[in-house]
């Protein structure tokens, strides 16, 4: 048990990475926050390209209700083999003070039961709603790469010594 080639690793698939997902950062919505604070409800948009061709866009606006800030997302999701589904939902925004007196904006994860304060929301392929990387079970590519050669180094310790010389 636990030996080389044990288990069903040939059936194992790696976790999806954050790099393969659509992302929204609070710093990208700062202009909309400034407009909302002045009482304007302008609608803004993000768009993504793949190979120079547009492949998706999202409209958004920042709303203030009872001194609480919300990011309202409006977009349509079309999953493989299904009808397009329009989505319109709000994501709570929070702030923390910075040492130099400014405010840093955060999202509150909108997934049911989560509520984490996060610096980015993700929409991986096949998902319908934006949420934090924990809720979508996403990882960073660097985490997948960090132990890529561990088994090889265990079997051939001389290779590890060569790799250390290259660094």
Foldseek 3Di string as FASTA:
>chain_A
DPDPPPDPCVPDDDFAAQVQWDKDFPVVCVVLVVCVVVVDFDKDKDWDDDPNHTDAMWIWHWHADPNWIKIWIWGWDDAPPDDIDTDIDIWTKDWDADPVGDIDIWTQFPDPPGRDTHRMWTDHHPRDDTGDCVVSVHHHPCVVVVCPCVVVCVVPVVVVVVVVVVD
